[in-house]
């Protein structure tokens, strides 16, 4: 059975998708960008500030699905600039202490002109 996840503690989807989908014992989040769910605006100018918001959004979505950041098994990270990798890594490590498997790539553009987007697969 597939179920959709929706929480007001993370930004609403900006397209035809769910914040996350639960299949069996796994949670698949959509990519989260640094939008503040209360204001709907981009939060933070630096990669560090934006990464904090992205991780807070992911935490909220995972909790709404009955999971947590500690149960993450895989993340996929998108950076606007690979030169931001070290600062991104510092903040990311504060949230993903279990060190899940990860891919991290630089991309040409991210929605809303932000610097970072992250998606997660986690156990429920």
PDB file of N, CA and C in Angstrom:
ATOM      1  N   UNK A   1       0.837  -1.184   0.000  1.00  0.00           N
ATOM      2  CA  UNK A   1       0.000   0.000   0.000  1.00  0.00           C
ATOM      3  C   UNK A   1       0.884   1.250   0.000  1.00  0.00           C
ATOM      4  N   UNK A   2       0.497   2.233  -0.771  1.00  0.00           N
ATOM      5  CA  UNK A   2       1.220   3.496  -0.871  1.00  0.00           C
ATOM      6  C   UNK A   2       0.397   4.574  -0.165  1.00  0.00           C
ATOM      7  N   UNK A   3       1.073   5.362   0.684  1.00  0.00           N
ATOM      8  CA  UNK A   3       0.385   6.488   1.312  1.00  0.00           C
ATOM      9  C   UNK A   3       1.205   7.757   1.103  1.00  0.00           C
ATOM     10  N   UNK A   4       0.521   8.858   1.057  1.00  0.00           N
ATOM     11  CA  UNK A   4       1.142  10.164   0.853  1.00  0.00           C
ATOM     12  C   UNK A   4       1.299  10.870   2.194  1.00  0.00           C
ATOM     13  N   UNK A   5       2.344  11.679   2.303  1.00  0.00           N
ATOM     14  CA  UNK A   5       2.625  12.420   3.530  1.00  0.00           C
ATOM     15  C   UNK A   5       2.421  13.903   3.266  1.00  0.00           C
ATOM     16  N   UNK A   6       1.771  14.568   4.210  1.00  0.00           N
ATOM     17  CA  UNK A   6       1.545  16.007   4.119  1.00  0.00           C
ATOM     18  C   UNK A   6       1.671  16.607   5.516  1.00  0.00           C
ATOM     19  N   UNK A   7       2.491  17.616   5.659  1.00  0.00           N
ATOM     20  CA  UNK A   7       2.615  18.335   6.919  1.00  0.00           C
ATOM     21  C   UNK A   7       2.737  19.829   6.648  1.00  0.00           C
ATOM     22  N   UNK A   8       2.163  20.631   7.515  1.00  0.00           N
ATOM     23  CA  UNK A   8       2.288  22.084   7.403  1.00  0.00           C
ATOM     24  C   UNK A   8       3.602  22.572   8.003  1.00  0.00           C
ATOM     25  N   UNK A   9       4.385  21.665   8.598  1.00  0.00           N
ATOM     26  CA  UNK A   9       5.663  22.030   9.194  1.00  0.00           C
ATOM     27  C   UNK A   9       6.796  22.057   8.169  1.00  0.00           C
ATOM     28  N   UNK A  10       6.453  21.752   6.923  1.00  0.00           N
ATOM     29  CA  UNK A  10       7.395  21.835   5.802  1.00  0.00           C
ATOM     30  C   UNK A  10       6.663  22.529   4.661  1.00  0.00           C
ATOM     31  N   UNK A  11       7.404  23.099   3.711  1.00  0.00           N
ATOM     32  CA  UNK A  11       6.744  23.807   2.616  1.00  0.00           C
ATOM     33  C   UNK A  11       5.834  22.890   1.802  1.00  0.00           C
ATOM     34  N   UNK A  12       4.727  23.448   1.363  1.00  0.00           N
ATOM     35  CA  UNK A  12       3.822  22.709   0.486  1.00  0.00           C
ATOM     36  C   UNK A  12       4.530  22.446  -0.840  1.00  0.00           C
ATOM     37  N   UNK A  13       4.151  21.381  -1.484  1.00  0.00           N
ATOM     38  CA  UNK A  13       4.711  21.055  -2.794  1.00  0.00           C
ATOM     39  C   UNK A  13       4.449  22.207  -3.765  1.00  0.00           C
ATOM     40  N   UNK A  14       5.427  22.515  -4.599  1.00  0.00           N
ATOM     41  CA  UNK A  14       5.263  23.599  -5.581  1.00  0.00           C
ATOM     42  C   UNK A  14       4.934  23.037  -6.961  1.00  0.00           C
ATOM     43  N   UNK A  15       4.478  21.794  -6.984  1.00  0.00           N
ATOM     44  CA  UNK A  15       4.106  21.134  -8.232  1.00  0.00           C
ATOM     45  C   UNK A  15       3.220  19.940  -7.924  1.00  0.00           C
ATOM     46  N   UNK A  16       2.970  19.114  -8.930  1.00  0.00           N
ATOM     47  CA  UNK A  16       2.085  17.963  -8.764  1.00  0.00           C
ATOM     48  C   UNK A  16       2.804  16.760  -8.134  1.00  0.00           C
ATOM     49  N   UNK A  17       3.180  16.881  -6.870  1.00  0.00           N
ATOM     50  CA  UNK A  17       3.854  15.808  -6.154  1.00  0.00           C
ATOM     51  C   UNK A  17       3.557  15.915  -4.666  1.00  0.00           C
ATOM     52  N   UNK A  18       3.911  14.886  -3.921  1.00  0.00           N
ATOM     53  CA  UNK A  18       3.711  14.838  -2.475  1.00  0.00           C
ATOM     54  C   UNK A  18       5.011  15.192  -1.763  1.00  0.00           C
ATOM     55  N   UNK A  19       4.901  15.625  -0.520  1.00  0.00           N
ATOM     56  CA  UNK A  19       6.104  15.887   0.272  1.00  0.00           C
ATOM     57  C   UNK A  19       6.889  14.588   0.480  1.00  0.00           C
ATOM     58  N   UNK A  20       6.153  13.492   0.609  1.00  0.00           N
ATOM     59  CA  UNK A  20       6.787  12.175   0.734  1.00  0.00           C
ATOM     60  C   UNK A  20       5.758  11.105   0.413  1.00  0.00           C
ATOM     61  N   UNK A  21       6.278   9.919   0.124  1.00  0.00           N
ATOM     62  CA  UNK A  21       5.455   8.741  -0.121  1.00  0.00           C
ATOM     63  C   UNK A  21       5.985   7.622   0.764  1.00  0.00           C
ATOM     64  N   UNK A  22       5.066   6.905   1.379  1.00  0.00           N
ATOM     65  CA  UNK A  22       5.437   5.751   2.202  1.00  0.00           C
ATOM     66  C   UNK A  22       5.013   4.492   1.470  1.00  0.00           C
ATOM     67  N   UNK A  23       5.967   3.586   1.303  1.00  0.00           N
ATOM     68  CA  UNK A  23       5.705   2.287   0.687  1.00  0.00           C
ATOM     69  C   UNK A  23       6.288   1.242   1.627  1.00  0.00           C
ATOM     70  N   UNK A  24       5.419   0.416   2.179  1.00  0.00           N
ATOM     71  CA  UNK A  24       5.889  -0.581   3.137  1.00  0.00           C
ATOM     72  C   UNK A  24       6.548   0.105   4.323  1.00  0.00           C
ATOM     73  N   UNK A  25       7.788  -0.248   4.572  1.00  0.00           N
ATOM     74  CA  UNK A  25       8.529   0.289   5.709  1.00  0.00           C
ATOM     75  C   UNK A  25       9.510   1.394   5.297  1.00  0.00           C
ATOM     76  N   UNK A  26       9.337   1.933   4.085  1.00  0.00           N
ATOM     77  CA  UNK A  26      10.258   2.966   3.591  1.00  0.00           C
ATOM     78  C   UNK A  26       9.530   4.280   3.315  1.00  0.00           C
ATOM     79  N   UNK A  27      10.210   5.378   3.623  1.00  0.00           N
ATOM     80  CA  UNK A  27       9.712   6.720   3.341  1.00  0.00           C
ATOM     81  C   UNK A  27      10.617   7.330   2.276  1.00  0.00           C
ATOM     82  N   UNK A  28      10.022   7.821   1.212  1.00  0.00           N
ATOM     83  CA  UNK A  28      10.740   8.494   0.132  1.00  0.00           C
ATOM     84  C   UNK A  28      10.307   9.953   0.132  1.00  0.00           C
ATOM     85  N   UNK A  29      11.203  10.850   0.537  1.00  0.00           N
ATOM     86  CA  UNK A  29      10.826  12.263   0.523  1.00  0.00           C
ATOM     87  C   UNK A  29      11.057  12.854  -0.857  1.00  0.00           C
ATOM     88  N   UNK A  30      10.287  13.864  -1.159  1.00  0.00           N
ATOM     89  CA  UNK A  30      10.593  14.689  -2.318  1.00  0.00           C
ATOM     90  C   UNK A  30      11.757  15.576  -1.926  1.00  0.00           C
ATOM     91  N   UNK A  31      12.433  16.115  -2.899  1.00  0.00           N
ATOM     92  CA  UNK A  31      13.519  17.034  -2.598  1.00  0.00           C
ATOM     93  C   UNK A  31      12.991  18.237  -1.845  1.00  0.00           C
ATOM     94  N   UNK A  32      13.697  18.616  -0.799  1.00  0.00           N
ATOM     95  CA  UNK A  32      13.320  19.791  -0.018  1.00  0.00           C
ATOM     96  C   UNK A  32      14.299  20.914  -0.321  1.00  0.00           C
ATOM     97  N   UNK A  33      13.748  22.099  -0.501  1.00  0.00           N
ATOM     98  CA  UNK A  33      14.556  23.290  -0.706  1.00  0.00           C
ATOM     99  C   UNK A  33      14.345  24.207   0.503  1.00  0.00           C
ATOM    100  N   UNK A  34      15.154  25.253   0.659  1.00  0.00           N
ATOM    101  CA  UNK A  34      15.108  26.062   1.871  1.00  0.00           C
ATOM    102  C   UNK A  34      13.981  27.091   1.922  1.00  0.00           C
ATOM    103  N   UNK A  35      12.758  26.623   1.734  1.00  0.00           N
ATOM    104  CA  UNK A  35      11.611  27.503   1.901  1.00  0.00           C
ATOM    105  C   UNK A  35      11.119  27.383   3.335  1.00  0.00           C
ATOM    106  N   UNK A  36      10.851  28.511   3.960  1.00  0.00           N
ATOM    107  CA  UNK A  36      10.282  28.523   5.296  1.00  0.00           C
ATOM    108  C   UNK A  36       8.798  28.194   5.175  1.00  0.00           C
ATOM    109  N   UNK A  37       8.313  27.142   5.862  1.00  0.00           N
ATOM    110  CA  UNK A  37       6.919  26.752   5.702  1.00  0.00           C
ATOM    111  C   UNK A  37       5.929  27.789   6.227  1.00  0.00           C
ATOM    112  N   UNK A  38       6.370  28.635   7.155  1.00  0.00           N
ATOM    113  CA  UNK A  38       5.472  29.641   7.722  1.00  0.00           C
ATOM    114  C   UNK A  38       5.310  30.847   6.808  1.00  0.00           C
ATOM    115  N   UNK A  39       6.374  31.216   6.112  1.00  0.00           N
ATOM    116  CA  UNK A  39       6.320  32.415   5.277  1.00  0.00           C
ATOM    117  C   UNK A  39       6.263  32.106   3.789  1.00  0.00           C
ATOM    118  N   UNK A  40       6.695  30.895   3.413  1.00  0.00           N
ATOM    119  CA  UNK A  40       6.732  30.537   2.000  1.00  0.00           C
ATOM    120  C   UNK A  40       7.877  31.189   1.243  1.00  0.00           C
ATOM    121  N   UNK A  41       8.794  31.818   1.994  1.00  0.00           N
ATOM    122  CA  UNK A  41       9.919  32.490   1.350  1.00  0.00           C
ATOM    123  C   UNK A  41      11.193  31.691   1.552  1.00  0.00           C
ATOM    124  N   UNK A  42      12.177  31.970   0.704  1.00  0.00           N
ATOM    125  CA  UNK A  42      13.467  31.314   0.803  1.00  0.00           C
ATOM    126  C   UNK A  42      14.157  31.812   2.058  1.00  0.00           C
ATOM    127  N   UNK A  43      14.766  30.883   2.782  1.00  0.00           N
ATOM    128  CA  UNK A  43      15.415  31.248   4.032  1.00  0.00           C
ATOM    129  C   UNK A  43      16.922  31.119   3.912  1.00  0.00           C
ATOM    130  N   UNK A  44      17.633  32.202   4.231  1.00  0.00           N
ATOM    131  CA  UNK A  44      19.087  32.171   4.279  1.00  0.00           C
ATOM    132  C   UNK A  44      19.743  32.515   2.966  1.00  0.00           C
ATOM    133  N   UNK A  45      20.807  33.271   3.066  1.00  0.00           N
ATOM    134  CA  UNK A  45      21.549  33.656   1.877  1.00  0.00           C
ATOM    135  C   UNK A  45      22.731  32.737   1.632  1.00  0.00           C
ATOM    136  N   UNK A  46      23.308  32.189   2.711  1.00  0.00           N
ATOM    137  CA  UNK A  46      24.489  31.338   2.552  1.00  0.00           C
ATOM    138  C   UNK A  46      24.085  29.881   2.390  1.00  0.00           C
ATOM    139  N   UNK A  47      24.982  29.090   1.883  1.00  0.00           N
ATOM    140  CA  UNK A  47      24.716  27.659   1.744  1.00  0.00           C
ATOM    141  C   UNK A  47      24.476  27.030   3.112  1.00  0.00           C
ATOM    142  N   UNK A  48      25.189  27.490   4.126  1.00  0.00           N
ATOM    143  CA  UNK A  48      25.002  26.958   5.474  1.00  0.00           C
ATOM    144  C   UNK A  48      23.597  27.224   5.999  1.00  0.00           C
ATOM    145  N   UNK A  49      23.133  28.453   5.870  1.00  0.00           N
ATOM    146  CA  UNK A  49      21.786  28.816   6.318  1.00  0.00           C
ATOM    147  C   UNK A  49      20.729  28.042   5.543  1.00  0.00           C
ATOM    148  N   UNK A  50      20.920  27.928   4.247  1.00  0.00           N
ATOM    149  CA  UNK A  50      19.946  27.205   3.433  1.00  0.00           C
ATOM    150  C   UNK A  50      19.946  25.718   3.775  1.00  0.00           C
ATOM    151  N   UNK A  51      21.109  25.153   4.055  1.00  0.00           N
ATOM    152  CA  UNK A  51      21.181  23.735   4.413  1.00  0.00           C
ATOM    153  C   UNK A  51      20.472  23.475   5.732  1.00  0.00           C
ATOM    154  N   UNK A  52      20.616  24.363   6.703  1.00  0.00           N
ATOM    155  CA  UNK A  52      19.877  24.214   7.969  1.00  0.00           C
ATOM    156  C   UNK A  52      18.375  24.134   7.703  1.00  0.00           C
ATOM    157  N   UNK A  53      17.853  25.028   6.865  1.00  0.00           N
ATOM    158  CA  UNK A  53      16.409  25.035   6.599  1.00  0.00           C
ATOM    159  C   UNK A  53      15.987  23.765   5.868  1.00  0.00           C
ATOM    160  N   UNK A  54      16.766  23.334   4.897  1.00  0.00           N
ATOM    161  CA  UNK A  54      16.445  22.107   4.168  1.00  0.00           C
ATOM    162  C   UNK A  54      16.358  20.928   5.147  1.00  0.00           C
ATOM    163  N   UNK A  55      17.318  20.829   6.049  1.00  0.00           N
ATOM    164  CA  UNK A  55      17.337  19.713   7.002  1.00  0.00           C
ATOM    165  C   UNK A  55      16.162  19.793   7.973  1.00  0.00           C
ATOM    166  N   UNK A  56      15.791  20.999   8.391  1.00  0.00           N
ATOM    167  CA  UNK A  56      14.611  21.162   9.252  1.00  0.00           C
ATOM    168  C   UNK A  56      13.341  20.733   8.508  1.00  0.00           C
ATOM    169  N   UNK A  57      13.254  21.084   7.228  1.00  0.00           N
ATOM    170  CA  UNK A  57      12.098  20.674   6.423  1.00  0.00           C
ATOM    171  C   UNK A  57      12.049  19.156   6.278  1.00  0.00           C
ATOM    172  N   UNK A  58      13.196  18.537   6.017  1.00  0.00           N
ATOM    173  CA  UNK A  58      13.244  17.073   5.895  1.00  0.00           C
ATOM    174  C   UNK A  58      12.864  16.404   7.208  1.00  0.00           C
ATOM    175  N   UNK A  59      13.334  16.934   8.311  1.00  0.00           N
ATOM    176  CA  UNK A  59      12.999  16.396   9.632  1.00  0.00           C
ATOM    177  C   UNK A  59      11.488  16.409   9.840  1.00  0.00           C
ATOM    178  N   UNK A  60      10.842  17.516   9.487  1.00  0.00           N
ATOM    179  CA  UNK A  60       9.392  17.640   9.648  1.00  0.00           C
ATOM    180  C   UNK A  60       8.641  16.633   8.776  1.00  0.00           C
ATOM    181  N   UNK A  61       9.072  16.471   7.537  1.00  0.00           N
ATOM    182  CA  UNK A  61       8.404  15.525   6.630  1.00  0.00           C
ATOM    183  C   UNK A  61       8.583  14.094   7.134  1.00  0.00           C
ATOM    184  N   UNK A  62       9.803  13.748   7.532  1.00  0.00           N
ATOM    185  CA  UNK A  62      10.047  12.390   8.033  1.00  0.00           C
ATOM    186  C   UNK A  62       9.247  12.118   9.302  1.00  0.00           C
ATOM    187  N   UNK A  63       9.177  13.078  10.207  1.00  0.00           N
ATOM    188  CA  UNK A  63       8.401  12.887  11.428  1.00  0.00           C
ATOM    189  C   UNK A  63       6.916  12.712  11.110  1.00  0.00           C
ATOM    190  N   UNK A  64       6.408  13.454  10.149  1.00  0.00           N
ATOM    191  CA  UNK A  64       5.005  13.306   9.745  1.00  0.00           C
ATOM    192  C   UNK A  64       4.733  11.915   9.177  1.00  0.00           C
ATOM    193  N   UNK A  65       5.775  11.290   8.639  1.00  0.00           N
ATOM    194  CA  UNK A  65       5.654   9.942   8.073  1.00  0.00           C
ATOM    195  C   UNK A  65       5.921   8.856   9.117  1.00  0.00           C
ATOM    196  N   UNK A  66       6.234   9.244  10.352  1.00  0.00           N
ATOM    197  CA  UNK A  66       6.537   8.264  11.386  1.00  0.00           C
ATOM    198  C   UNK A  66       7.978   7.807  11.371  1.00  0.00           C
ATOM    199  N   UNK A  67       8.869   8.644  10.853  1.00  0.00           N
ATOM    200  CA  UNK A  67      10.281   8.309  10.747  1.00  0.00           C
ATOM    201  C   UNK A  67      11.110   9.433  11.365  1.00  0.00           C
ATOM    202  N   UNK A  68      12.400   9.441  11.082  1.00  0.00           N
ATOM    203  CA  UNK A  68      13.279  10.495  11.588  1.00  0.00           C
ATOM    204  C   UNK A  68      14.553  10.547  10.751  1.00  0.00           C
ATOM    205  N   UNK A  69      15.325  11.592  10.955  1.00  0.00           N
ATOM    206  CA  UNK A  69      16.611  11.718  10.263  1.00  0.00           C
ATOM    207  C   UNK A  69      17.544  10.571  10.638  1.00  0.00           C
ATOM    208  N   UNK A  70      17.431  10.067  11.865  1.00  0.00           N
ATOM    209  CA  UNK A  70      18.272   8.955  12.322  1.00  0.00           C
ATOM    210  C   UNK A  70      18.002   7.660  11.562  1.00  0.00           C
ATOM    211  N   UNK A  71      16.837   7.579  10.915  1.00  0.00           N
ATOM    212  CA  UNK A  71      16.470   6.369  10.186  1.00  0.00           C
ATOM    213  C   UNK A  71      16.756   6.482   8.687  1.00  0.00           C
ATOM    214  N   UNK A  72      17.421   7.568   8.299  1.00  0.00           N
ATOM    215  CA  UNK A  72      17.771   7.758   6.880  1.00  0.00           C
ATOM    216  C   UNK A  72      18.753   6.681   6.443  1.00  0.00           C
ATOM    217  N   UNK A  73      18.488   6.098   5.281  1.00  0.00           N
ATOM    218  CA  UNK A  73      19.400   5.095   4.727  1.00  0.00           C
ATOM    219  C   UNK A  73      20.118   5.609   3.475  1.00  0.00           C
ATOM    220  N   UNK A  74      19.554   6.656   2.834  1.00  0.00           N
ATOM    221  CA  UNK A  74      20.146   7.199   1.613  1.00  0.00           C
ATOM    222  C   UNK A  74      19.684   8.639   1.438  1.00  0.00           C
ATOM    223  N   UNK A  75      20.602   9.507   1.071  1.00  0.00           N
ATOM    224  CA  UNK A  75      20.243  10.866   0.704  1.00  0.00           C
ATOM    225  C   UNK A  75      20.799  11.169  -0.682  1.00  0.00           C
ATOM    226  N   UNK A  76      20.112  12.065  -1.362  1.00  0.00           N
ATOM    227  CA  UNK A  76      20.599  12.581  -2.638  1.00  0.00           C
ATOM    228  C   UNK A  76      20.615  14.096  -2.487  1.00  0.00           C
ATOM    229  N   UNK A  77      21.778  14.680  -2.691  1.00  0.00           N
ATOM    230  CA  UNK A  77      21.989  16.107  -2.444  1.00  0.00           C
ATOM    231  C   UNK A  77      22.352  16.810  -3.742  1.00  0.00           C
ATOM    232  N   UNK A  78      21.733  17.945  -3.962  1.00  0.00           N
ATOM    233  CA  UNK A  78      21.973  18.742  -5.161  1.00  0.00           C
ATOM    234  C   UNK A  78      22.478  20.106  -4.728  1.00  0.00           C
ATOM    235  N   UNK A  79      23.637  20.494  -5.217  1.00  0.00           N
ATOM    236  CA  UNK A  79      24.217  21.798  -4.920  1.00  0.00           C
ATOM    237  C   UNK A  79      24.296  22.627  -6.188  1.00  0.00           C
ATOM    238  N   UNK A  80      24.034  23.904  -6.057  1.00  0.00           N
ATOM    239  CA  UNK A  80      24.177  24.799  -7.202  1.00  0.00           C
ATOM    240  C   UNK A  80      25.652  24.934  -7.577  1.00  0.00           C
ATOM    241  N   UNK A  81      26.512  24.955  -6.564  1.00  0.00           N
ATOM    242  CA  UNK A  81      27.948  25.114  -6.792  1.00  0.00           C
ATOM    243  C   UNK A  81      28.717  24.087  -5.964  1.00  0.00           C
ATOM    244  N   UNK A  82      29.547  23.294  -6.581  1.00  0.00           N
ATOM    245  CA  UNK A  82      30.340  22.314  -5.834  1.00  0.00           C
ATOM    246  C   UNK A  82      31.325  23.003  -4.897  1.00  0.00           C
ATOM    247  N   UNK A  83      31.614  24.263  -5.137  1.00  0.00           N
ATOM    248  CA  UNK A  83      32.485  25.011  -4.220  1.00  0.00           C
ATOM    249  C   UNK A  83      31.836  25.199  -2.846  1.00  0.00           C
ATOM    250  N   UNK A  84      30.537  24.955  -2.735  1.00  0.00           N
ATOM    251  CA  UNK A  84      29.816  25.022  -1.454  1.00  0.00           C
ATOM    252  C   UNK A  84      29.875  23.709  -0.683  1.00  0.00           C
ATOM    253  N   UNK A  85      30.533  22.696  -1.235  1.00  0.00           N
ATOM    254  CA  UNK A  85      30.514  21.344  -0.665  1.00  0.00           C
ATOM    255  C   UNK A  85      30.970  21.294   0.791  1.00  0.00           C
ATOM    256  N   UNK A  86      32.074  21.936   1.133  1.00  0.00           N
ATOM    257  CA  UNK A  86      32.606  21.864   2.501  1.00  0.00           C
ATOM    258  C   UNK A  86      31.633  22.477   3.510  1.00  0.00           C
ATOM    259  N   UNK A  87      31.107  23.657   3.209  1.00  0.00           N
ATOM    260  CA  UNK A  87      30.166  24.301   4.140  1.00  0.00           C
ATOM    261  C   UNK A  87      28.869  23.498   4.230  1.00  0.00           C
ATOM    262  N   UNK A  88      28.387  22.994   3.099  1.00  0.00           N
ATOM    263  CA  UNK A  88      27.203  22.130   3.104  1.00  0.00           C
ATOM    264  C   UNK A  88      27.448  20.922   4.002  1.00  0.00           C
ATOM    265  N   UNK A  89      28.598  20.280   3.834  1.00  0.00           N
ATOM    266  CA  UNK A  89      28.937  19.077   4.602  1.00  0.00           C
ATOM    267  C   UNK A  89      28.923  19.330   6.108  1.00  0.00           C
ATOM    268  N   UNK A  90      29.446  20.477   6.542  1.00  0.00           N
ATOM    269  CA  UNK A  90      29.475  20.807   7.969  1.00  0.00           C
ATOM    270  C   UNK A  90      28.071  20.813   8.562  1.00  0.00           C
ATOM    271  N   UNK A  91      27.147  21.459   7.892  1.00  0.00           N
ATOM    272  CA  UNK A  91      25.771  21.541   8.395  1.00  0.00           C
ATOM    273  C   UNK A  91      25.078  20.186   8.260  1.00  0.00           C
ATOM    274  N   UNK A  92      25.213  19.551   7.118  1.00  0.00           N
ATOM    275  CA  UNK A  92      24.604  18.228   6.873  1.00  0.00           C
ATOM    276  C   UNK A  92      24.986  17.253   7.979  1.00  0.00           C
ATOM    277  N   UNK A  93      26.251  17.252   8.389  1.00  0.00           N
ATOM    278  CA  UNK A  93      26.744  16.321   9.411  1.00  0.00           C
ATOM    279  C   UNK A  93      26.077  16.536  10.763  1.00  0.00           C
ATOM    280  N   UNK A  94      25.595  17.737  11.039  1.00  0.00           N
ATOM    281  CA  UNK A  94      24.882  18.008  12.297  1.00  0.00           C
ATOM    282  C   UNK A  94      23.545  17.275  12.353  1.00  0.00           C
ATOM    283  N   UNK A  95      22.927  17.063  11.215  1.00  0.00           N
ATOM    284  CA  UNK A  95      21.588  16.469  11.143  1.00  0.00           C
ATOM    285  C   UNK A  95      21.626  14.974  10.837  1.00  0.00           C
ATOM    286  N   UNK A  96      22.509  14.556   9.957  1.00  0.00           N
ATOM    287  CA  UNK A  96      22.577  13.157   9.537  1.00  0.00           C
ATOM    288  C   UNK A  96      23.736  12.466  10.251  1.00  0.00           C
ATOM    289  N   UNK A  97      23.573  12.307  11.560  1.00  0.00           N
ATOM    290  CA  UNK A  97      24.643  11.750  12.395  1.00  0.00           C
ATOM    291  C   UNK A  97      24.844  10.259  12.160  1.00  0.00           C
ATOM    292  N   UNK A  98      23.845   9.575  11.599  1.00  0.00           N
ATOM    293  CA  UNK A  98      23.956   8.151  11.312  1.00  0.00           C
ATOM    294  C   UNK A  98      24.735   7.850  10.039  1.00  0.00           C
ATOM    295  N   UNK A  99      25.143   8.890   9.336  1.00  0.00           N
ATOM    296  CA  UNK A  99      25.927   8.773   8.113  1.00  0.00           C
ATOM    297  C   UNK A  99      25.309   7.818   7.078  1.00  0.00           C
ATOM    298  N   UNK A 100      24.107   8.163   6.578  1.00  0.00           N
ATOM    299  CA  UNK A 100      23.499   7.309   5.547  1.00  0.00           C
ATOM    300  C   UNK A 100      24.310   7.342   4.251  1.00  0.00           C
ATOM    301  N   UNK A 101      24.053   6.389   3.375  1.00  0.00           N
ATOM    302  CA  UNK A 101      24.647   6.432   2.037  1.00  0.00           C
ATOM    303  C   UNK A 101      24.215   7.742   1.388  1.00  0.00           C
ATOM    304  N   UNK A 102      25.053   8.280   0.504  1.00  0.00           N
ATOM    305  CA  UNK A 102      24.736   9.595  -0.050  1.00  0.00           C
ATOM    306  C   UNK A 102      25.332   9.772  -1.432  1.00  0.00           C
ATOM    307  N   UNK A 103      24.589  10.499  -2.251  1.00  0.00           N
ATOM    308  CA  UNK A 103      25.106  11.032  -3.512  1.00  0.00           C
ATOM    309  C   UNK A 103      25.026  12.539  -3.395  1.00  0.00           C
ATOM    310  N   UNK A 104      26.006  13.244  -3.957  1.00  0.00           N
ATOM    311  CA  UNK A 104      25.991  14.706  -3.932  1.00  0.00           C
ATOM    312  C   UNK A 104      26.537  15.195  -5.259  1.00  0.00           C
ATOM    313  N   UNK A 105      25.724  15.956  -5.974  1.00  0.00           N
ATOM    314  CA  UNK A 105      26.123  16.437  -7.285  1.00  0.00           C
ATOM    315  C   UNK A 105      25.829  17.931  -7.414  1.00  0.00           C
ATOM    316  N   UNK A 106      26.550  18.578  -8.283  1.00  0.00           N
ATOM    317  CA  UNK A 106      26.260  19.965  -8.640  1.00  0.00           C
ATOM    318  C   UNK A 106      25.333  19.949  -9.848  1.00  0.00           C
ATOM    319  N   UNK A 107      24.361  20.835  -9.830  1.00  0.00           N
ATOM    320  CA  UNK A 107      23.393  20.926 -10.923  1.00  0.00           C
ATOM    321  C   UNK A 107      23.337  22.363 -11.430  1.00  0.00           C
ATOM    322  N   UNK A 108      22.863  22.525 -12.626  1.00  0.00           N
ATOM    323  CA  UNK A 108      22.824  23.856 -13.232  1.00  0.00           C
ATOM    324  C   UNK A 108      21.849  24.777 -12.516  1.00  0.00           C
ATOM    325  N   UNK A 109      20.653  24.278 -12.209  1.00  0.00           N
ATOM    326  CA  UNK A 109      19.640  25.103 -11.555  1.00  0.00           C
ATOM    327  C   UNK A 109      18.832  24.266 -10.586  1.00  0.00           C
ATOM    328  N   UNK A 110      18.344  24.914  -9.534  1.00  0.00           N
ATOM    329  CA  UNK A 110      17.442  24.307  -8.561  1.00  0.00           C
ATOM    330  C   UNK A 110      16.219  25.217  -8.498  1.00  0.00           C
ATOM    331  N   UNK A 111      15.009  24.661  -8.330  1.00  0.00           N
ATOM    332  CA  UNK A 111      13.812  25.509  -8.287  1.00  0.00           C
ATOM    333  C   UNK A 111      13.954  26.695  -7.325  1.00  0.00           C
ATOM    334  N   UNK A 112      13.345  27.785  -7.689  1.00  0.00           N
ATOM    335  CA  UNK A 112      13.320  29.022  -6.895  1.00  0.00           C
ATOM    336  C   UNK A 112      14.690  29.674  -6.769  1.00  0.00           C
ATOM    337  N   UNK A 113      15.682  29.210  -7.536  1.00  0.00           N
ATOM    338  CA  UNK A 113      17.004  29.820  -7.511  1.00  0.00           C
ATOM    339  C   UNK A 113      17.796  29.577  -6.240  1.00  0.00           C
ATOM    340  N   UNK A 114      17.459  28.525  -5.492  1.00  0.00           N
ATOM    341  CA  UNK A 114      18.148  28.240  -4.234  1.00  0.00           C
ATOM    342  C   UNK A 114      19.483  27.556  -4.489  1.00  0.00           C
ATOM    343  N   UNK A 115      20.260  27.379  -3.426  1.00  0.00           N
ATOM    344  CA  UNK A 115      21.596  26.813  -3.544  1.00  0.00           C
ATOM    345  C   UNK A 115      21.667  25.321  -3.275  1.00  0.00           C
ATOM    346  N   UNK A 116      20.618  24.736  -2.648  1.00  0.00           N
ATOM    347  CA  UNK A 116      20.687  23.344  -2.219  1.00  0.00           C
ATOM    348  C   UNK A 116      19.299  22.704  -2.211  1.00  0.00           C
ATOM    349  N   UNK A 117      19.272  21.411  -2.514  1.00  0.00           N
ATOM    350  CA  UNK A 117      18.073  20.587  -2.410  1.00  0.00           C
ATOM    351  C   UNK A 117      18.530  19.200  -1.966  1.00  0.00           C
ATOM    352  N   UNK A 118      17.752  18.584  -1.062  1.00  0.00           N
ATOM    353  CA  UNK A 118      18.097  17.263  -0.561  1.00  0.00           C
ATOM    354  C   UNK A 118      16.836  16.410  -0.497  1.00  0.00           C
ATOM    355  N   UNK A 119      16.974  15.142  -0.886  1.00  0.00           N
ATOM    356  CA  UNK A 119      15.893  14.162  -0.729  1.00  0.00           C
ATOM    357  C   UNK A 119      16.432  12.997   0.089  1.00  0.00           C
ATOM    358  N   UNK A 120      15.509  12.264   0.733  1.00  0.00           N
ATOM    359  CA  UNK A 120      15.880  11.213   1.664  1.00  0.00           C
ATOM    360  C   UNK A 120      15.049   9.961   1.439  1.00  0.00           C
ATOM    361  N   UNK A 121      15.679   8.809   1.611  1.00  0.00           N
ATOM    362  CA  UNK A 121      14.975   7.538   1.766  1.00  0.00           C
ATOM    363  C   UNK A 121      15.281   7.087   3.188  1.00  0.00           C
ATOM    364  N   UNK A 122      14.224   6.775   3.947  1.00  0.00           N
ATOM    365  CA  UNK A 122      14.406   6.393   5.351  1.00  0.00           C
ATOM    366  C   UNK A 122      13.510   5.217   5.709  1.00  0.00           C
ATOM    367  N   UNK A 123      13.910   4.481   6.730  1.00  0.00           N
ATOM    368  CA  UNK A 123      13.051   3.442   7.304  1.00  0.00           C
ATOM    369  C   UNK A 123      11.967   4.135   8.121  1.00  0.00           C
ATOM    370  N   UNK A 124      10.831   3.476   8.195  1.00  0.00           N
ATOM    371  CA  UNK A 124       9.731   4.023   8.983  1.00  0.00           C
ATOM    372  C   UNK A 124       9.896   3.638  10.429  1.00  0.00           C
TER     373      UNK A 124
END
